[in-house]
Amino acid sequence: MPRSVNSVASRARRKKVMKMARGYYGARKNVWTVAKNAVEKGLLYSYEGRKQRKRQFRRLWIQRINAGARQHGMSYSALMGKLNAQGIELNRKVLADLAMNHPEAFKAVVDKVK
């Protein structure tokens, strides 16, 4: 019986990886073994980057809330503690947006918890 290798699926797999490597520099874009390693590494970086983006945004929101709170004589931790104690359920994203773009609304929130 002749050897069966299923070259159709093999070629499709390679084409998929080579398409993902389009735009890379040097051998990374057209040499199979190098491109495969580069694409695998890129996919790992993109997976990790999606996790890091969430952390970075949370850090940014906390900095903005802290800056807004300190303008009204309060620290970030004091503000968040009082918000939780009074049952005001505004998340950090919304609070940061208020502190940046709607200072009068943020001041009203701070005055409510003082």
PDB file of N, CA and C in Angstrom:
ATOM      1  N   MET A   1       0.853  -1.184   0.000  1.00  0.00           N
ATOM      2  CA  MET A   1       0.000   0.000   0.000  1.00  0.00           C
ATOM      3  C   MET A   1       0.892   1.239   0.000  1.00  0.00           C
ATOM      4  N   PRO A   2       0.578   2.225  -0.834  1.00  0.00           N
ATOM      5  CA  PRO A   2       1.420   3.426  -0.883  1.00  0.00           C
ATOM      6  C   PRO A   2       1.294   4.266   0.387  1.00  0.00           C
ATOM      7  N   ARG A   3       2.332   5.045   0.628  1.00  0.00           N
ATOM      8  CA  ARG A   3       2.378   5.900   1.813  1.00  0.00           C
ATOM      9  C   ARG A   3       1.442   7.086   1.622  1.00  0.00           C
ATOM     10  N   SER A   4       0.645   7.372   2.617  1.00  0.00           N
ATOM     11  CA  SER A   4      -0.297   8.491   2.556  1.00  0.00           C
ATOM     12  C   SER A   4       0.210   9.602   3.456  1.00  0.00           C
ATOM     13  N   VAL A   5       0.358  10.814   2.921  1.00  0.00           N
ATOM     14  CA  VAL A   5       0.928  11.920   3.705  1.00  0.00           C
ATOM     15  C   VAL A   5      -0.022  13.096   3.895  1.00  0.00           C
ATOM     16  N   ASN A   6      -1.126  13.119   3.179  1.00  0.00           N
ATOM     17  CA  ASN A   6      -2.114  14.197   3.288  1.00  0.00           C
ATOM     18  C   ASN A   6      -1.463  15.567   3.099  1.00  0.00           C
ATOM     19  N   SER A   7      -0.862  15.748   1.952  1.00  0.00           N
ATOM     20  CA  SER A   7      -0.144  16.994   1.696  1.00  0.00           C
ATOM     21  C   SER A   7      -1.087  18.199   1.615  1.00  0.00           C
ATOM     22  N   VAL A   8      -2.364  17.967   1.336  1.00  0.00           N
ATOM     23  CA  VAL A   8      -3.325  19.068   1.260  1.00  0.00           C
ATOM     24  C   VAL A   8      -3.429  19.752   2.628  1.00  0.00           C
ATOM     25  N   ALA A   9      -3.591  18.960   3.681  1.00  0.00           N
ATOM     26  CA  ALA A   9      -3.709  19.521   5.028  1.00  0.00           C
ATOM     27  C   ALA A   9      -2.398  20.138   5.471  1.00  0.00           C
ATOM     28  N   SER A  10      -1.255  19.494   5.132  1.00  0.00           N
ATOM     29  CA  SER A  10       0.062  20.023   5.518  1.00  0.00           C
ATOM     30  C   SER A  10       0.293  21.395   4.881  1.00  0.00           C
ATOM     31  N   ARG A  11      -0.029  21.489   3.589  1.00  0.00           N
ATOM     32  CA  ARG A  11       0.175  22.757   2.885  1.00  0.00           C
ATOM     33  C   ARG A  11      -0.746  23.832   3.453  1.00  0.00           C
ATOM     34  N   ALA A  12      -1.978  23.452   3.764  1.00  0.00           N
ATOM     35  CA  ALA A  12      -2.930  24.430   4.320  1.00  0.00           C
ATOM     36  C   ALA A  12      -2.428  24.951   5.662  1.00  0.00           C
ATOM     37  N   ARG A  13      -1.870  24.041   6.482  1.00  0.00           N
ATOM     38  CA  ARG A  13      -1.341  24.441   7.784  1.00  0.00           C
ATOM     39  C   ARG A  13      -0.173  25.423   7.614  1.00  0.00           C
ATOM     40  N   ARG A  14       0.712  25.100   6.680  1.00  0.00           N
ATOM     41  CA  ARG A  14       1.871  25.983   6.444  1.00  0.00           C
ATOM     42  C   ARG A  14       1.427  27.334   5.878  1.00  0.00           C
ATOM     43  N   LYS A  15       0.457  27.288   4.954  1.00  0.00           N
ATOM     44  CA  LYS A  15      -0.026  28.546   4.364  1.00  0.00           C
ATOM     45  C   LYS A  15      -0.627  29.456   5.430  1.00  0.00           C
ATOM     46  N   LYS A  16      -1.338  28.844   6.381  1.00  0.00           N
ATOM     47  CA  LYS A  16      -1.972  29.629   7.446  1.00  0.00           C
ATOM     48  C   LYS A  16      -0.907  30.349   8.276  1.00  0.00           C
ATOM     49  N   VAL A  17       0.158  29.625   8.623  1.00  0.00           N
ATOM     50  CA  VAL A  17       1.229  30.221   9.422  1.00  0.00           C
ATOM     51  C   VAL A  17       1.972  31.275   8.615  1.00  0.00           C
ATOM     52  N   MET A  18       2.264  30.983   7.343  1.00  0.00           N
ATOM     53  CA  MET A  18       2.997  31.943   6.511  1.00  0.00           C
ATOM     54  C   MET A  18       2.173  33.217   6.280  1.00  0.00           C
ATOM     55  N   LYS A  19       0.860  33.078   6.223  1.00  0.00           N
ATOM     56  CA  LYS A  19       0.012  34.257   6.080  1.00  0.00           C
ATOM     57  C   LYS A  19       0.081  35.118   7.339  1.00  0.00           C
ATOM     58  N   MET A  20       0.157  34.465   8.507  1.00  0.00           N
ATOM     59  CA  MET A  20       0.266  35.212   9.758  1.00  0.00           C
ATOM     60  C   MET A  20       1.631  35.901   9.880  1.00  0.00           C
ATOM     61  N   ALA A  21       2.655  35.347   9.203  1.00  0.00           N
ATOM     62  CA  ALA A  21       4.003  35.905   9.280  1.00  0.00           C
ATOM     63  C   ALA A  21       4.213  37.037   8.286  1.00  0.00           C
ATOM     64  N   ARG A  22       3.212  37.344   7.497  1.00  0.00           N
ATOM     65  CA  ARG A  22       3.338  38.418   6.514  1.00  0.00           C
ATOM     66  C   ARG A  22       3.613  39.738   7.225  1.00  0.00           C
ATOM     67  N   GLY A  23       4.594  40.480   6.736  1.00  0.00           N
ATOM     68  CA  GLY A  23       4.942  41.745   7.355  1.00  0.00           C
ATOM     69  C   GLY A  23       6.117  41.649   8.309  1.00  0.00           C
ATOM     70  N   TYR A  24       6.560  40.434   8.634  1.00  0.00           N
ATOM     71  CA  TYR A  24       7.737  40.273   9.488  1.00  0.00           C
ATOM     72  C   TYR A  24       8.995  40.610   8.690  1.00  0.00           C
ATOM     73  N   TYR A  25      10.106  40.817   9.392  1.00  0.00           N
ATOM     74  CA  TYR A  25      11.346  41.254   8.769  1.00  0.00           C
ATOM     75  C   TYR A  25      12.255  40.064   8.475  1.00  0.00           C
ATOM     76  N   GLY A  26      12.904  40.078   7.314  1.00  0.00           N
ATOM     77  CA  GLY A  26      13.923  39.083   6.977  1.00  0.00           C
ATOM     78  C   GLY A  26      13.348  37.690   6.789  1.00  0.00           C
ATOM     79  N   ALA A  27      14.089  36.686   7.269  1.00  0.00           N
ATOM     80  CA  ALA A  27      13.703  35.290   7.071  1.00  0.00           C
ATOM     81  C   ALA A  27      12.432  34.932   7.827  1.00  0.00           C
ATOM     82  N   ARG A  28      12.060  35.758   8.784  1.00  0.00           N
ATOM     83  CA  ARG A  28      10.863  35.466   9.576  1.00  0.00           C
ATOM     84  C   ARG A  28       9.599  35.458   8.718  1.00  0.00           C
ATOM     85  N   LYS A  29       9.658  36.089   7.541  1.00  0.00           N
ATOM     86  CA  LYS A  29       8.447  36.158   6.718  1.00  0.00           C
ATOM     87  C   LYS A  29       8.377  35.081   5.646  1.00  0.00           C
ATOM     88  N   ASN A  30       9.511  34.423   5.310  1.00  0.00           N
ATOM     89  CA  ASN A  30       9.437  33.490   4.181  1.00  0.00           C
ATOM     90  C   ASN A  30      10.159  32.162   4.370  1.00  0.00           C
ATOM     91  N   VAL A  31      10.813  31.940   5.497  1.00  0.00           N
ATOM     92  CA  VAL A  31      11.440  30.646   5.772  1.00  0.00           C
ATOM     93  C   VAL A  31      10.554  29.923   6.781  1.00  0.00           C
ATOM     94  N   TRP A  32      10.111  28.716   6.423  1.00  0.00           N
ATOM     95  CA  TRP A  32       9.080  28.038   7.188  1.00  0.00           C
ATOM     96  C   TRP A  32       9.432  27.878   8.659  1.00  0.00           C
ATOM     97  N   THR A  33      10.608  27.324   8.979  1.00  0.00           N
ATOM     98  CA  THR A  33      10.920  27.033  10.378  1.00  0.00           C
ATOM     99  C   THR A  33      11.054  28.313  11.193  1.00  0.00           C
ATOM    100  N   VAL A  34      11.667  29.321  10.594  1.00  0.00           N
ATOM    101  CA  VAL A  34      11.832  30.601  11.301  1.00  0.00           C
ATOM    102  C   VAL A  34      10.478  31.284  11.471  1.00  0.00           C
ATOM    103  N   ALA A  35       9.672  31.271  10.421  1.00  0.00           N
ATOM    104  CA  ALA A  35       8.353  31.912  10.467  1.00  0.00           C
ATOM    105  C   ALA A  35       7.458  31.226  11.494  1.00  0.00           C
ATOM    106  N   LYS A  36       7.530  29.886  11.562  1.00  0.00           N
ATOM    107  CA  LYS A  36       6.692  29.152  12.511  1.00  0.00           C
ATOM    108  C   LYS A  36       7.036  29.546  13.939  1.00  0.00           C
ATOM    109  N   ASN A  37       8.326  29.628  14.235  1.00  0.00           N
ATOM    110  CA  ASN A  37       8.749  30.032  15.582  1.00  0.00           C
ATOM    111  C   ASN A  37       8.340  31.469  15.886  1.00  0.00           C
ATOM    112  N   ALA A  38       8.488  32.366  14.899  1.00  0.00           N
ATOM    113  CA  ALA A  38       8.144  33.771  15.104  1.00  0.00           C
ATOM    114  C   ALA A  38       6.652  33.939  15.339  1.00  0.00           C
ATOM    115  N   VAL A  39       5.833  33.206  14.577  1.00  0.00           N
ATOM    116  CA  VAL A  39       4.379  33.314  14.728  1.00  0.00           C
ATOM    117  C   VAL A  39       3.950  32.752  16.075  1.00  0.00           C
ATOM    118  N   GLU A  40       4.522  31.610  16.484  1.00  0.00           N
ATOM    119  CA  GLU A  40       4.176  31.036  17.788  1.00  0.00           C
ATOM    120  C   GLU A  40       4.507  32.015  18.910  1.00  0.00           C
ATOM    121  N   LYS A  41       5.688  32.632  18.827  1.00  0.00           N
ATOM    122  CA  LYS A  41       6.095  33.598  19.852  1.00  0.00           C
ATOM    123  C   LYS A  41       5.167  34.807  19.829  1.00  0.00           C
ATOM    124  N   GLY A  42       4.811  35.258  18.629  1.00  0.00           N
ATOM    125  CA  GLY A  42       3.905  36.395  18.519  1.00  0.00           C
ATOM    126  C   GLY A  42       2.543  36.111  19.115  1.00  0.00           C
ATOM    127  N   LEU A  43       2.050  34.889  18.925  1.00  0.00           N
ATOM    128  CA  LEU A  43       0.753  34.529  19.498  1.00  0.00           C
ATOM    129  C   LEU A  43       0.820  34.483  21.022  1.00  0.00           C
ATOM    130  N   LEU A  44       1.960  34.007  21.558  1.00  0.00           N
ATOM    131  CA  LEU A  44       2.127  34.011  23.007  1.00  0.00           C
ATOM    132  C   LEU A  44       2.141  35.434  23.545  1.00  0.00           C
ATOM    133  N   TYR A  45       2.869  36.323  22.854  1.00  0.00           N
ATOM    134  CA  TYR A  45       2.931  37.720  23.287  1.00  0.00           C
ATOM    135  C   TYR A  45       1.549  38.373  23.225  1.00  0.00           C
ATOM    136  N   SER A  46       0.781  38.052  22.180  1.00  0.00           N
ATOM    137  CA  SER A  46      -0.536  38.693  22.058  1.00  0.00           C
ATOM    138  C   SER A  46      -1.485  38.191  23.141  1.00  0.00           C
ATOM    139  N   TYR A  47      -1.369  36.910  23.507  1.00  0.00           N
ATOM    140  CA  TYR A  47      -2.202  36.361  24.587  1.00  0.00           C
ATOM    141  C   TYR A  47      -1.865  37.065  25.896  1.00  0.00           C
ATOM    142  N   GLU A  48      -0.580  37.169  26.188  1.00  0.00           N
ATOM    143  CA  GLU A  48      -0.153  37.828  27.429  1.00  0.00           C
ATOM    144  C   GLU A  48      -0.512  39.310  27.399  1.00  0.00           C
ATOM    145  N   GLY A  49      -0.413  39.926  26.214  1.00  0.00           N
ATOM    146  CA  GLY A  49      -0.722  41.345  26.083  1.00  0.00           C
ATOM    147  C   GLY A  49      -2.178  41.650  26.379  1.00  0.00           C
ATOM    148  N   ARG A  50      -3.068  40.727  26.039  1.00  0.00           N
ATOM    149  CA  ARG A  50      -4.484  40.939  26.341  1.00  0.00           C
ATOM    150  C   ARG A  50      -4.720  40.941  27.843  1.00  0.00           C
ATOM    151  N   LYS A  51      -3.953  40.154  28.584  1.00  0.00           N
ATOM    152  CA  LYS A  51      -4.067  40.153  30.046  1.00  0.00           C
ATOM    153  C   LYS A  51      -3.468  41.436  30.626  1.00  0.00           C
ATOM    154  N   GLN A  52      -2.311  41.845  30.078  1.00  0.00           N
ATOM    155  CA  GLN A  52      -1.635  43.037  30.598  1.00  0.00           C
ATOM    156  C   GLN A  52      -2.439  44.302  30.352  1.00  0.00           C
ATOM    157  N   ARG A  53      -3.167  44.343  29.224  1.00  0.00           N
ATOM    158  CA  ARG A  53      -3.954  45.543  28.905  1.00  0.00           C
ATOM    159  C   ARG A  53      -4.966  45.828  30.009  1.00  0.00           C
ATOM    160  N   LYS A  54      -5.586  44.771  30.544  1.00  0.00           N
ATOM    161  CA  LYS A  54      -6.561  44.942  31.619  1.00  0.00           C
ATOM    162  C   LYS A  54      -5.901  45.511  32.869  1.00  0.00           C
ATOM    163  N   ARG A  55      -4.687  45.007  33.192  1.00  0.00           N
ATOM    164  CA  ARG A  55      -3.967  45.512  34.362  1.00  0.00           C
ATOM    165  C   ARG A  55      -3.576  46.972  34.175  1.00  0.00           C
ATOM    166  N   GLN A  56      -3.106  47.301  32.970  1.00  0.00           N
ATOM    167  CA  GLN A  56      -2.640  48.670  32.712  1.00  0.00           C
ATOM    168  C   GLN A  56      -3.795  49.663  32.783  1.00  0.00           C
ATOM    169  N   PHE A  57      -4.951  49.282  32.266  1.00  0.00           N
ATOM    170  CA  PHE A  57      -6.092  50.194  32.337  1.00  0.00           C
ATOM    171  C   PHE A  57      -6.534  50.404  33.776  1.00  0.00           C
ATOM    172  N   ARG A  58      -6.534  49.331  34.571  1.00  0.00           N
ATOM    173  CA  ARG A  58      -6.911  49.474  35.974  1.00  0.00           C
ATOM    174  C   ARG A  58      -5.954  50.428  36.681  1.00  0.00           C
ATOM    175  N   ARG A  59      -4.649  50.306  36.418  1.00  0.00           N
ATOM    176  CA  ARG A  59      -3.659  51.211  37.018  1.00  0.00           C
ATOM    177  C   ARG A  59      -3.911  52.658  36.598  1.00  0.00           C
ATOM    178  N   LEU A  60      -4.236  52.858  35.312  1.00  0.00           N
ATOM    179  CA  LEU A  60      -4.506  54.200  34.811  1.00  0.00           C
ATOM    180  C   LEU A  60      -5.738  54.794  35.479  1.00  0.00           C
ATOM    181  N   TRP A  61      -6.790  53.984  35.611  1.00  0.00           N
ATOM    182  CA  TRP A  61      -8.018  54.476  36.248  1.00  0.00           C
ATOM    183  C   TRP A  61      -7.749  54.864  37.697  1.00  0.00           C
ATOM    184  N   ILE A  62      -6.963  54.054  38.406  1.00  0.00           N
ATOM    185  CA  ILE A  62      -6.665  54.348  39.809  1.00  0.00           C
ATOM    186  C   ILE A  62      -5.886  55.648  39.921  1.00  0.00           C
ATOM    187  N   GLN A  63      -4.927  55.881  39.018  1.00  0.00           N
ATOM    188  CA  GLN A  63      -4.164  57.134  39.044  1.00  0.00           C
ATOM    189  C   GLN A  63      -5.070  58.334  38.806  1.00  0.00           C
ATOM    190  N   ARG A  64      -5.984  58.217  37.868  1.00  0.00           N
ATOM    191  CA  ARG A  64      -6.878  59.336  37.568  1.00  0.00           C
ATOM    192  C   ARG A  64      -7.845  59.613  38.715  1.00  0.00           C
ATOM    193  N   ILE A  65      -8.368  58.552  39.330  1.00  0.00           N
ATOM    194  CA  ILE A  65      -9.267  58.739  40.472  1.00  0.00           C
ATOM    195  C   ILE A  65      -8.515  59.370  41.630  1.00  0.00           C
ATOM    196  N   ASN A  66      -7.293  58.910  41.870  1.00  0.00           N
ATOM    197  CA  ASN A  66      -6.471  59.444  42.955  1.00  0.00           C
ATOM    198  C   ASN A  66      -6.189  60.927  42.740  1.00  0.00           C
ATOM    199  N   ALA A  67      -5.854  61.300  41.499  1.00  0.00           N
ATOM    200  CA  ALA A  67      -5.588  62.715  41.202  1.00  0.00           C
ATOM    201  C   ALA A  67      -6.835  63.556  41.432  1.00  0.00           C
ATOM    202  N   GLY A  68      -7.977  63.053  40.991  1.00  0.00           N
ATOM    203  CA  GLY A  68      -9.227  63.788  41.193  1.00  0.00           C
ATOM    204  C   GLY A  68      -9.610  63.887  42.656  1.00  0.00           C
ATOM    205  N   ALA A  69      -9.393  62.800  43.395  1.00  0.00           N
ATOM    206  CA  ALA A  69      -9.758  62.797  44.814  1.00  0.00           C
ATOM    207  C   ALA A  69      -8.873  63.757  45.597  1.00  0.00           C
ATOM    208  N   ARG A  70      -7.597  63.803  45.276  1.00  0.00           N
ATOM    209  CA  ARG A  70      -6.671  64.673  46.007  1.00  0.00           C
ATOM    210  C   ARG A  70      -6.966  66.160  45.771  1.00  0.00           C
ATOM    211  N   GLN A  71      -7.572  66.490  44.633  1.00  0.00           N
ATOM    212  CA  GLN A  71      -7.989  67.873  44.394  1.00  0.00           C
ATOM    213  C   GLN A  71      -9.081  68.289  45.373  1.00  0.00           C
ATOM    214  N   HIS A  72      -9.794  67.306  45.916  1.00  0.00           N
ATOM    215  CA  HIS A  72     -10.864  67.588  46.868  1.00  0.00           C
ATOM    216  C   HIS A  72     -10.473  67.173  48.282  1.00  0.00           C
ATOM    217  N   GLY A  73      -9.167  67.040  48.524  1.00  0.00           N
ATOM    218  CA  GLY A  73      -8.672  66.782  49.875  1.00  0.00           C
ATOM    219  C   GLY A  73      -8.910  65.375  50.390  1.00  0.00           C
ATOM    220  N   MET A  74      -8.837  64.402  49.514  1.00  0.00           N
ATOM    221  CA  MET A  74      -9.067  63.011  49.896  1.00  0.00           C
ATOM    222  C   MET A  74      -8.057  62.131  49.182  1.00  0.00           C
ATOM    223  N   SER A  75      -7.744  60.993  49.773  1.00  0.00           N
ATOM    224  CA  SER A  75      -6.875  60.049  49.071  1.00  0.00           C
ATOM    225  C   SER A  75      -7.744  59.036  48.328  1.00  0.00           C
ATOM    226  N   TYR A  76      -7.103  58.294  47.445  1.00  0.00           N
ATOM    227  CA  TYR A  76      -7.825  57.284  46.667  1.00  0.00           C
ATOM    228  C   TYR A  76      -8.444  56.236  47.586  1.00  0.00           C
ATOM    229  N   SER A  77      -7.626  55.743  48.525  1.00  0.00           N
ATOM    230  CA  SER A  77      -8.112  54.653  49.373  1.00  0.00           C
ATOM    231  C   SER A  77      -9.257  55.115  50.270  1.00  0.00           C
ATOM    232  N   ALA A  78      -9.172  56.346  50.760  1.00  0.00           N
ATOM    233  CA  ALA A  78     -10.261  56.866  51.592  1.00  0.00           C
ATOM    234  C   ALA A  78     -11.542  57.000  50.775  1.00  0.00           C
ATOM    235  N   LEU A  79     -11.412  57.506  49.561  1.00  0.00           N
ATOM    236  CA  LEU A  79     -12.573  57.667  48.685  1.00  0.00           C
ATOM    237  C   LEU A  79     -13.222  56.320  48.392  1.00  0.00           C
ATOM    238  N   MET A  80     -12.413  55.331  48.014  1.00  0.00           N
ATOM    239  CA  MET A  80     -12.967  54.025  47.657  1.00  0.00           C
ATOM    240  C   MET A  80     -13.581  53.339  48.882  1.00  0.00           C
ATOM    241  N   GLY A  81     -12.950  53.518  50.034  1.00  0.00           N
ATOM    242  CA  GLY A  81     -13.508  52.934  51.255  1.00  0.00           C
ATOM    243  C   GLY A  81     -14.857  53.522  51.597  1.00  0.00           C
ATOM    244  N   LYS A  82     -14.981  54.836  51.470  1.00  0.00           N
ATOM    245  CA  LYS A  82     -16.255  55.493  51.787  1.00  0.00           C
ATOM    246  C   LYS A  82     -17.327  55.182  50.747  1.00  0.00           C
ATOM    247  N   LEU A  83     -16.911  55.054  49.477  1.00  0.00           N
ATOM    248  CA  LEU A  83     -17.877  54.672  48.439  1.00  0.00           C
ATOM    249  C   LEU A  83     -18.463  53.296  48.743  1.00  0.00           C
ATOM    250  N   ASN A  84     -17.591  52.360  49.117  1.00  0.00           N
ATOM    251  CA  ASN A  84     -18.072  51.002  49.426  1.00  0.00           C
ATOM    252  C   ASN A  84     -18.938  50.998  50.680  1.00  0.00           C
ATOM    253  N   ALA A  85     -18.539  51.789  51.681  1.00  0.00           N
ATOM    254  CA  ALA A  85     -19.296  51.823  52.929  1.00  0.00           C
ATOM    255  C   ALA A  85     -20.712  52.357  52.705  1.00  0.00           C
ATOM    256  N   GLN A  86     -20.838  53.336  51.806  1.00  0.00           N
ATOM    257  CA  GLN A  86     -22.158  53.919  51.548  1.00  0.00           C
ATOM    258  C   GLN A  86     -22.929  53.169  50.463  1.00  0.00           C
ATOM    259  N   GLY A  87     -22.318  52.146  49.896  1.00  0.00           N
ATOM    260  CA  GLY A  87     -23.020  51.326  48.907  1.00  0.00           C
ATOM    261  C   GLY A  87     -23.152  51.979  47.542  1.00  0.00           C
ATOM    262  N   ILE A  88     -22.274  52.921  47.231  1.00  0.00           N
ATOM    263  CA  ILE A  88     -22.278  53.558  45.901  1.00  0.00           C
ATOM    264  C   ILE A  88     -21.467  52.667  44.971  1.00  0.00           C
ATOM    265  N   GLU A  89     -22.123  52.067  44.007  1.00  0.00           N
ATOM    266  CA  GLU A  89     -21.462  51.082  43.145  1.00  0.00           C
ATOM    267  C   GLU A  89     -21.082  51.702  41.804  1.00  0.00           C
ATOM    268  N   LEU A  90     -20.066  52.544  41.822  1.00  0.00           N
ATOM    269  CA  LEU A  90     -19.481  53.074  40.588  1.00  0.00           C
ATOM    270  C   LEU A  90     -18.136  52.385  40.412  1.00  0.00           C
ATOM    271  N   ASN A  91     -17.917  51.795  39.235  1.00  0.00           N
ATOM    272  CA  ASN A  91     -16.642  51.118  39.039  1.00  0.00           C
ATOM    273  C   ASN A  91     -15.536  52.117  38.710  1.00  0.00           C
ATOM    274  N   ARG A  92     -14.308  51.642  38.708  1.00  0.00           N
ATOM    275  CA  ARG A  92     -13.151  52.513  38.521  1.00  0.00           C
ATOM    276  C   ARG A  92     -13.149  53.182  37.150  1.00  0.00           C
ATOM    277  N   LYS A  93     -13.626  52.457  36.147  1.00  0.00           N
ATOM    278  CA  LYS A  93     -13.661  53.022  34.793  1.00  0.00           C
ATOM    279  C   LYS A  93     -14.557  54.260  34.754  1.00  0.00           C
ATOM    280  N   VAL A  94     -15.720  54.162  35.359  1.00  0.00           N
ATOM    281  CA  VAL A  94     -16.675  55.278  35.364  1.00  0.00           C
ATOM    282  C   VAL A  94     -16.142  56.428  36.216  1.00  0.00           C
ATOM    283  N   LEU A  95     -15.585  56.096  37.388  1.00  0.00           N
ATOM    284  CA  LEU A  95     -15.046  57.140  38.257  1.00  0.00           C
ATOM    285  C   LEU A  95     -13.900  57.887  37.583  1.00  0.00           C
ATOM    286  N   ALA A  96     -13.031  57.158  36.884  1.00  0.00           N
ATOM    287  CA  ALA A  96     -11.911  57.792  36.187  1.00  0.00           C
ATOM    288  C   ALA A  96     -12.416  58.705  35.076  1.00  0.00           C
ATOM    289  N   ASP A  97     -13.454  58.275  34.375  1.00  0.00           N
ATOM    290  CA  ASP A  97     -14.026  59.109  33.321  1.00  0.00           C
ATOM    291  C   ASP A  97     -14.637  60.372  33.909  1.00  0.00           C
ATOM    292  N   LEU A  98     -15.324  60.239  35.043  1.00  0.00           N
ATOM    293  CA  LEU A  98     -15.894  61.418  35.703  1.00  0.00           C
ATOM    294  C   LEU A  98     -14.780  62.369  36.144  1.00  0.00           C
ATOM    295  N   ALA A  99     -13.717  61.829  36.723  1.00  0.00           N
ATOM    296  CA  ALA A  99     -12.624  62.669  37.213  1.00  0.00           C
ATOM    297  C   ALA A  99     -11.952  63.420  36.076  1.00  0.00           C
ATOM    298  N   MET A 100     -11.836  62.785  34.913  1.00  0.00           N
ATOM    299  CA  MET A 100     -11.152  63.415  33.777  1.00  0.00           C
ATOM    300  C   MET A 100     -12.059  64.384  33.017  1.00  0.00           C
ATOM    301  N   ASN A 101     -13.245  63.917  32.663  1.00  0.00           N
ATOM    302  CA  ASN A 101     -14.072  64.647  31.696  1.00  0.00           C
ATOM    303  C   ASN A 101     -15.242  65.410  32.304  1.00  0.00           C
ATOM    304  N   HIS A 102     -15.641  65.051  33.534  1.00  0.00           N
ATOM    305  CA  HIS A 102     -16.773  65.716  34.172  1.00  0.00           C
ATOM    306  C   HIS A 102     -16.420  66.024  35.628  1.00  0.00           C
ATOM    307  N   PRO A 103     -15.526  67.002  35.854  1.00  0.00           N
ATOM    308  CA  PRO A 103     -15.064  67.265  37.217  1.00  0.00           C
ATOM    309  C   PRO A 103     -16.182  67.677  38.172  1.00  0.00           C
ATOM    310  N   GLU A 104     -17.205  68.347  37.666  1.00  0.00           N
ATOM    311  CA  GLU A 104     -18.284  68.773  38.556  1.00  0.00           C
ATOM    312  C   GLU A 104     -19.081  67.563  39.054  1.00  0.00           C
ATOM    313  N   ALA A 105     -19.276  66.567  38.195  1.00  0.00           N
ATOM    314  CA  ALA A 105     -19.973  65.350  38.611  1.00  0.00           C
ATOM    315  C   ALA A 105     -19.105  64.563  39.601  1.00  0.00           C
ATOM    316  N   PHE A 106     -17.796  64.529  39.362  1.00  0.00           N
ATOM    317  CA  PHE A 106     -16.891  63.835  40.287  1.00  0.00           C
ATOM    318  C   PHE A 106     -16.892  64.528  41.643  1.00  0.00           C
ATOM    319  N   LYS A 107     -16.940  65.860  41.625  1.00  0.00           N
ATOM    320  CA  LYS A 107     -16.991  66.617  42.887  1.00  0.00           C
ATOM    321  C   LYS A 107     -18.268  66.288  43.652  1.00  0.00           C
ATOM    322  N   ALA A 108     -19.367  66.128  42.928  1.00  0.00           N
ATOM    323  CA  ALA A 108     -20.627  65.768  43.583  1.00  0.00           C
ATOM    324  C   ALA A 108     -20.536  64.394  44.241  1.00  0.00           C
ATOM    325  N   VAL A 109     -19.843  63.459  43.584  1.00  0.00           N
ATOM    326  CA  VAL A 109     -19.667  62.119  44.159  1.00  0.00           C
ATOM    327  C   VAL A 109     -18.812  62.217  45.422  1.00  0.00           C
ATOM    328  N   VAL A 110     -17.731  63.006  45.361  1.00  0.00           N
ATOM    329  CA  VAL A 110     -16.829  63.150  46.510  1.00  0.00           C
ATOM    330  C   VAL A 110     -17.572  63.819  47.665  1.00  0.00           C
ATOM    331  N   ASP A 111     -18.359  64.860  47.365  1.00  0.00           N
ATOM    332  CA  ASP A 111     -19.099  65.556  48.429  1.00  0.00           C
ATOM    333  C   ASP A 111     -20.138  64.640  49.058  1.00  0.00           C
ATOM    334  N   LYS A 112     -20.697  63.744  48.282  1.00  0.00           N
ATOM    335  CA  LYS A 112     -21.705  62.821  48.828  1.00  0.00           C
ATOM    336  C   LYS A 112     -21.095  61.860  49.852  1.00  0.00           C
ATOM    337  N   VAL A 113     -19.850  61.447  49.645  1.00  0.00           N
ATOM    338  CA  VAL A 113     -19.244  60.476  50.564  1.00  0.00           C
ATOM    339  C   VAL A 113     -18.510  61.140  51.726  1.00  0.00           C
ATOM    340  N   LYS A 114     -18.240  62.445  51.640  1.00  0.00           N
ATOM    341  CA  LYS A 114     -17.507  63.127  52.727  1.00  0.00           C
ATOM    342  C   LYS A 114     -18.314  63.178  53.997  1.00  0.00           C
TER     343      LYS A 114
END
